[in-house]
């Protein structure tokens, strides 16, 4: 029928081998450069591979669970190598930004280098007290503090879904968290 003729026109490549700007097979102009229209976008690589950016994320009045969610969102491999590997994931998890995702462009690994927490009760009780505590990557205090917040979020998420929170078994809690369908789907995209 008419539907079959229409499908064939879209699926078949041009018979003469010439590029057709209106074809779904070749969206290039006569010079071989991509043509942007209301159906597609062009992508230009702006940065060399391995470009490094530093940025700061400011937050205020977050609960331990909310801060855990923020930290895990920024750096999903905080679940730990052993947990990720046991669930079939690598520890190389990347965020995918920009319009070049289908081409493998825009993959970015985020790594938390430090965490600065303010205790307002100390900050305003002493003229010389800043109330701040800085945790830097590579120190035991950093790893423990970050893990504390991430696990608080994971256990809350498990409880809200009616799942066992594994209060005394961090690894099991993380594995249970990764088994939730929407979380597993996200990690598949990041992996």
C-alpha atoms as a PDB file:
ATOM      1  CA  UNK A   1       0.000   0.000   0.000  1.00  0.00           C
ATOM      2  CA  UNK A   2       0.882   3.668   0.208  1.00  0.00           C
ATOM      3  CA  UNK A   3       2.588   3.150   3.589  1.00  0.00           C
ATOM      4  CA  UNK A   4       4.983   0.606   2.044  1.00  0.00           C
ATOM      5  CA  UNK A   5       5.958   3.016  -0.749  1.00  0.00           C
ATOM      6  CA  UNK A   6       6.633   5.753   1.823  1.00  0.00           C
ATOM      7  CA  UNK A   7       8.773   3.402   3.961  1.00  0.00           C
ATOM      8  CA  UNK A   8      10.804   2.324   0.938  1.00  0.00           C
ATOM      9  CA  UNK A   9      11.543   5.941   0.027  1.00  0.00           C
ATOM     10  CA  UNK A  10      12.983   6.543   3.492  1.00  0.00           C
ATOM     11  CA  UNK A  11      14.856   3.254   3.845  1.00  0.00           C
ATOM     12  CA  UNK A  12      16.364   2.954   0.346  1.00  0.00           C
ATOM     13  CA  UNK A  13      19.607   4.805  -0.298  1.00  0.00           C
ATOM     14  CA  UNK A  14      19.641   7.135  -3.291  1.00  0.00           C
ATOM     15  CA  UNK A  15      19.919   5.025  -6.437  1.00  0.00           C
ATOM     16  CA  UNK A  16      22.544   7.198  -8.135  1.00  0.00           C
ATOM     17  CA  UNK A  17      24.870   7.288  -5.117  1.00  0.00           C
ATOM     18  CA  UNK A  18      24.699  11.077  -5.000  1.00  0.00           C
ATOM     19  CA  UNK A  19      24.229  12.818  -1.667  1.00  0.00           C
ATOM     20  CA  UNK A  20      20.729  14.162  -1.178  1.00  0.00           C
ATOM     21  CA  UNK A  21      20.430  16.848   1.485  1.00  0.00           C
ATOM     22  CA  UNK A  22      16.806  15.878   2.093  1.00  0.00           C
ATOM     23  CA  UNK A  23      17.646  12.189   2.583  1.00  0.00           C
ATOM     24  CA  UNK A  24      17.803  10.593   6.032  1.00  0.00           C
ATOM     25  CA  UNK A  25      21.030   8.947   4.852  1.00  0.00           C
ATOM     26  CA  UNK A  26      23.066  12.059   4.110  1.00  0.00           C
ATOM     27  CA  UNK A  27      22.409  15.330   5.922  1.00  0.00           C
ATOM     28  CA  UNK A  28      25.404  17.102   4.396  1.00  0.00           C
ATOM     29  CA  UNK A  29      25.601  20.084   2.143  1.00  0.00           C
ATOM     30  CA  UNK A  30      27.444  19.944  -1.164  1.00  0.00           C
ATOM     31  CA  UNK A  31      30.753  20.566   0.658  1.00  0.00           C
ATOM     32  CA  UNK A  32      30.412  17.508   2.936  1.00  0.00           C
ATOM     33  CA  UNK A  33      29.774  19.634   6.036  1.00  0.00           C
ATOM     34  CA  UNK A  34      26.743  18.870   8.238  1.00  0.00           C
ATOM     35  CA  UNK A  35      23.656  20.970   7.628  1.00  0.00           C
ATOM     36  CA  UNK A  36      21.705  22.094  10.685  1.00  0.00           C
ATOM     37  CA  UNK A  37      17.956  22.376  10.296  1.00  0.00           C
ATOM     38  CA  UNK A  38      14.941  21.960  12.563  1.00  0.00           C
ATOM     39  CA  UNK A  39      15.443  18.162  12.519  1.00  0.00           C
ATOM     40  CA  UNK A  40      19.103  17.881  13.483  1.00  0.00           C
ATOM     41  CA  UNK A  41      22.017  19.678  15.069  1.00  0.00           C
ATOM     42  CA  UNK A  42      25.650  19.922  14.140  1.00  0.00           C
ATOM     43  CA  UNK A  43      28.356  18.996  16.623  1.00  0.00           C
ATOM     44  CA  UNK A  44      31.802  20.537  16.757  1.00  0.00           C
ATOM     45  CA  UNK A  45      34.571  19.188  18.956  1.00  0.00           C
ATOM     46  CA  UNK A  46      35.777  22.174  20.964  1.00  0.00           C
ATOM     47  CA  UNK A  47      38.217  20.608  23.412  1.00  0.00           C
ATOM     48  CA  UNK A  48      41.018  18.092  23.109  1.00  0.00           C
ATOM     49  CA  UNK A  49      40.679  14.695  24.783  1.00  0.00           C
ATOM     50  CA  UNK A  50      41.710  14.767  28.413  1.00  0.00           C
ATOM     51  CA  UNK A  51      40.803  18.417  29.009  1.00  0.00           C
ATOM     52  CA  UNK A  52      40.490  19.095  32.752  1.00  0.00           C
ATOM     53  CA  UNK A  53      38.125  21.574  34.389  1.00  0.00           C
ATOM     54  CA  UNK A  54      37.909  22.473  38.056  1.00  0.00           C
ATOM     55  CA  UNK A  55      34.692  23.724  39.586  1.00  0.00           C
ATOM     56  CA  UNK A  56      33.091  24.244  42.962  1.00  0.00           C
ATOM     57  CA  UNK A  57      29.647  23.071  44.014  1.00  0.00           C
ATOM     58  CA  UNK A  58      28.174  25.171  46.812  1.00  0.00           C
ATOM     59  CA  UNK A  59      25.390  23.758  48.961  1.00  0.00           C
ATOM     60  CA  UNK A  60      23.561  24.895  52.051  1.00  0.00           C
ATOM     61  CA  UNK A  61      21.322  23.285  54.667  1.00  0.00           C
ATOM     62  CA  UNK A  62      21.427  19.757  53.254  1.00  0.00           C
ATOM     63  CA  UNK A  63      20.637  16.752  55.401  1.00  0.00           C
ATOM     64  CA  UNK A  64      23.210  13.942  55.493  1.00  0.00           C
ATOM     65  CA  UNK A  65      21.045  11.987  53.032  1.00  0.00           C
ATOM     66  CA  UNK A  66      20.704  14.936  50.633  1.00  0.00           C
ATOM     67  CA  UNK A  67      24.449  15.560  50.715  1.00  0.00           C
ATOM     68  CA  UNK A  68      24.991  11.846  50.036  1.00  0.00           C
ATOM     69  CA  UNK A  69      22.762  12.109  46.979  1.00  0.00           C
ATOM     70  CA  UNK A  70      24.690  15.152  45.739  1.00  0.00           C
ATOM     71  CA  UNK A  71      28.048  13.411  46.221  1.00  0.00           C
ATOM     72  CA  UNK A  72      26.879  10.203  44.548  1.00  0.00           C
ATOM     73  CA  UNK A  73      25.377  12.190  41.668  1.00  0.00           C
ATOM     74  CA  UNK A  74      28.690  13.928  41.064  1.00  0.00           C
ATOM     75  CA  UNK A  75      30.855  10.818  41.461  1.00  0.00           C
ATOM     76  CA  UNK A  76      28.851   7.590  41.009  1.00  0.00           C
ATOM     77  CA  UNK A  77      31.877   5.344  41.556  1.00  0.00           C
ATOM     78  CA  UNK A  78      31.716   6.276  45.258  1.00  0.00           C
ATOM     79  CA  UNK A  79      29.729   3.056  45.634  1.00  0.00           C
ATOM     80  CA  UNK A  80      33.104   1.340  45.534  1.00  0.00           C
ATOM     81  CA  UNK A  81      35.030  -0.816  43.094  1.00  0.00           C
ATOM     82  CA  UNK A  82      34.087  -4.112  44.743  1.00  0.00           C
ATOM     83  CA  UNK A  83      30.361  -3.313  44.741  1.00  0.00           C
ATOM     84  CA  UNK A  84      30.342  -2.009  41.166  1.00  0.00           C
ATOM     85  CA  UNK A  85      32.312  -4.993  39.856  1.00  0.00           C
ATOM     86  CA  UNK A  86      30.093  -7.484  41.698  1.00  0.00           C
ATOM     87  CA  UNK A  87      27.076  -5.983  39.911  1.00  0.00           C
ATOM     88  CA  UNK A  88      28.734  -6.031  36.480  1.00  0.00           C
ATOM     89  CA  UNK A  89      29.836  -2.393  36.261  1.00  0.00           C
ATOM     90  CA  UNK A  90      33.278  -0.898  35.762  1.00  0.00           C
ATOM     91  CA  UNK A  91      34.555   1.852  38.029  1.00  0.00           C
ATOM     92  CA  UNK A  92      35.008   4.124  35.007  1.00  0.00           C
ATOM     93  CA  UNK A  93      31.627   5.846  35.106  1.00  0.00           C
ATOM     94  CA  UNK A  94      31.188   8.991  33.026  1.00  0.00           C
ATOM     95  CA  UNK A  95      28.608  11.736  32.800  1.00  0.00           C
ATOM     96  CA  UNK A  96      27.567  12.466  29.222  1.00  0.00           C
ATOM     97  CA  UNK A  97      27.096  16.156  28.462  1.00  0.00           C
ATOM     98  CA  UNK A  98      26.212  18.140  25.381  1.00  0.00           C
ATOM     99  CA  UNK A  99      24.844  17.206  21.997  1.00  0.00           C
ATOM    100  CA  UNK A 100      27.550  14.742  20.929  1.00  0.00           C
ATOM    101  CA  UNK A 101      26.506  11.843  23.181  1.00  0.00           C
ATOM    102  CA  UNK A 102      25.689   9.431  20.312  1.00  0.00           C
ATOM    103  CA  UNK A 103      29.145  10.106  18.883  1.00  0.00           C
ATOM    104  CA  UNK A 104      30.894   9.417  22.181  1.00  0.00           C
ATOM    105  CA  UNK A 105      31.585  13.108  22.717  1.00  0.00           C
ATOM    106  CA  UNK A 106      31.000  14.900  25.973  1.00  0.00           C
ATOM    107  CA  UNK A 107      31.961  12.066  28.310  1.00  0.00           C
ATOM    108  CA  UNK A 108      33.250  13.569  31.540  1.00  0.00           C
ATOM    109  CA  UNK A 109      34.574  11.909  34.668  1.00  0.00           C
ATOM    110  CA  UNK A 110      33.861  13.939  37.796  1.00  0.00           C
ATOM    111  CA  UNK A 111      36.130  13.487  40.780  1.00  0.00           C
ATOM    112  CA  UNK A 112      35.524  15.107  44.162  1.00  0.00           C
ATOM    113  CA  UNK A 113      38.804  16.522  45.431  1.00  0.00           C
ATOM    114  CA  UNK A 114      37.692  18.068  48.709  1.00  0.00           C
ATOM    115  CA  UNK A 115      34.676  18.625  50.910  1.00  0.00           C
ATOM    116  CA  UNK A 116      34.297  21.665  53.139  1.00  0.00           C
ATOM    117  CA  UNK A 117      31.621  21.514  55.833  1.00  0.00           C
ATOM    118  CA  UNK A 118      30.564  24.382  58.085  1.00  0.00           C
ATOM    119  CA  UNK A 119      29.193  23.989  61.585  1.00  0.00           C
ATOM    120  CA  UNK A 120      27.287  27.213  62.202  1.00  0.00           C
ATOM    121  CA  UNK A 121      26.962  26.571  65.935  1.00  0.00           C
ATOM    122  CA  UNK A 122      30.768  26.743  66.218  1.00  0.00           C
ATOM    123  CA  UNK A 123      31.108  29.486  63.626  1.00  0.00           C
ATOM    124  CA  UNK A 124      29.163  32.020  65.669  1.00  0.00           C
ATOM    125  CA  UNK A 125      30.180  30.959  69.177  1.00  0.00           C
ATOM    126  CA  UNK A 126      33.823  32.096  68.975  1.00  0.00           C
ATOM    127  CA  UNK A 127      35.316  35.145  67.328  1.00  0.00           C
ATOM    128  CA  UNK A 128      38.284  33.160  65.972  1.00  0.00           C
ATOM    129  CA  UNK A 129      36.420  29.990  65.005  1.00  0.00           C
ATOM    130  CA  UNK A 130      35.512  29.540  61.335  1.00  0.00           C
ATOM    131  CA  UNK A 131      33.335  26.523  61.997  1.00  0.00           C
ATOM    132  CA  UNK A 132      34.730  24.865  58.895  1.00  0.00           C
ATOM    133  CA  UNK A 133      36.237  21.433  58.487  1.00  0.00           C
ATOM    134  CA  UNK A 134      37.945  20.606  55.205  1.00  0.00           C
ATOM    135  CA  UNK A 135      38.292  17.003  54.081  1.00  0.00           C
ATOM    136  CA  UNK A 136      40.764  16.448  51.248  1.00  0.00           C
ATOM    137  CA  UNK A 137      40.934  13.501  48.864  1.00  0.00           C
ATOM    138  CA  UNK A 138      43.602  10.988  49.805  1.00  0.00           C
ATOM    139  CA  UNK A 139      43.050  11.276  53.546  1.00  0.00           C
ATOM    140  CA  UNK A 140      41.205   8.744  55.686  1.00  0.00           C
ATOM    141  CA  UNK A 141      38.891  11.432  57.015  1.00  0.00           C
ATOM    142  CA  UNK A 142      37.783  12.324  53.472  1.00  0.00           C
ATOM    143  CA  UNK A 143      36.911   8.772  52.460  1.00  0.00           C
ATOM    144  CA  UNK A 144      35.096   8.070  55.716  1.00  0.00           C
ATOM    145  CA  UNK A 145      33.080  11.292  55.647  1.00  0.00           C
ATOM    146  CA  UNK A 146      32.048  10.951  52.006  1.00  0.00           C
ATOM    147  CA  UNK A 147      31.131   7.295  52.546  1.00  0.00           C
ATOM    148  CA  UNK A 148      29.063   8.240  55.607  1.00  0.00           C
ATOM    149  CA  UNK A 149      26.926  10.652  53.558  1.00  0.00           C
ATOM    150  CA  UNK A 150      26.564   8.311  50.561  1.00  0.00           C
ATOM    151  CA  UNK A 151      25.479   5.408  52.770  1.00  0.00           C
ATOM    152  CA  UNK A 152      22.971   7.629  54.585  1.00  0.00           C
ATOM    153  CA  UNK A 153      21.363   8.416  51.206  1.00  0.00           C
ATOM    154  CA  UNK A 154      21.447   4.790  50.012  1.00  0.00           C
ATOM    155  CA  UNK A 155      19.797   3.505  53.189  1.00  0.00           C
ATOM    156  CA  UNK A 156      17.104   6.182  53.003  1.00  0.00           C
ATOM    157  CA  UNK A 157      16.439   5.313  49.343  1.00  0.00           C
ATOM    158  CA  UNK A 158      16.165   1.619  50.201  1.00  0.00           C
ATOM    159  CA  UNK A 159      13.759   2.298  53.078  1.00  0.00           C
ATOM    160  CA  UNK A 160      11.576   4.541  50.903  1.00  0.00           C
ATOM    161  CA  UNK A 161      11.299   1.701  48.366  1.00  0.00           C
ATOM    162  CA  UNK A 162      10.366  -0.774  51.106  1.00  0.00           C
ATOM    163  CA  UNK A 163      13.646  -2.646  50.811  1.00  0.00           C
ATOM    164  CA  UNK A 164      15.985  -3.859  53.537  1.00  0.00           C
ATOM    165  CA  UNK A 165      18.491  -1.124  54.496  1.00  0.00           C
ATOM    166  CA  UNK A 166      21.232  -3.544  55.649  1.00  0.00           C
ATOM    167  CA  UNK A 167      22.149  -1.303  58.601  1.00  0.00           C
ATOM    168  CA  UNK A 168      25.226  -3.339  59.541  1.00  0.00           C
ATOM    169  CA  UNK A 169      26.388  -4.341  56.067  1.00  0.00           C
ATOM    170  CA  UNK A 170      27.461  -1.444  53.822  1.00  0.00           C
ATOM    171  CA  UNK A 171      28.351  -3.658  50.846  1.00  0.00           C
ATOM    172  CA  UNK A 172      24.951  -5.370  50.852  1.00  0.00           C
ATOM    173  CA  UNK A 173      23.193  -2.002  51.100  1.00  0.00           C
ATOM    174  CA  UNK A 174      25.078  -0.700  48.060  1.00  0.00           C
ATOM    175  CA  UNK A 175      24.417  -3.896  46.083  1.00  0.00           C
ATOM    176  CA  UNK A 176      20.706  -3.746  46.950  1.00  0.00           C
ATOM    177  CA  UNK A 177      20.652  -0.090  45.860  1.00  0.00           C
ATOM    178  CA  UNK A 178      22.207  -1.013  42.482  1.00  0.00           C
ATOM    179  CA  UNK A 179      19.535  -3.664  41.940  1.00  0.00           C
ATOM    180  CA  UNK A 180      16.734  -1.080  41.892  1.00  0.00           C
ATOM    181  CA  UNK A 181      15.624  -0.832  38.264  1.00  0.00           C
ATOM    182  CA  UNK A 182      15.869   2.946  37.816  1.00  0.00           C
ATOM    183  CA  UNK A 183      19.267   3.084  39.556  1.00  0.00           C
ATOM    184  CA  UNK A 184      20.567   0.137  37.525  1.00  0.00           C
ATOM    185  CA  UNK A 185      19.391   1.843  34.313  1.00  0.00           C
ATOM    186  CA  UNK A 186      21.235   5.038  35.264  1.00  0.00           C
ATOM    187  CA  UNK A 187      24.444   3.169  36.002  1.00  0.00           C
ATOM    188  CA  UNK A 188      24.194   1.294  32.696  1.00  0.00           C
ATOM    189  CA  UNK A 189      24.126   4.674  30.933  1.00  0.00           C
ATOM    190  CA  UNK A 190      27.085   5.955  32.948  1.00  0.00           C
ATOM    191  CA  UNK A 191      29.182   2.810  32.414  1.00  0.00           C
END
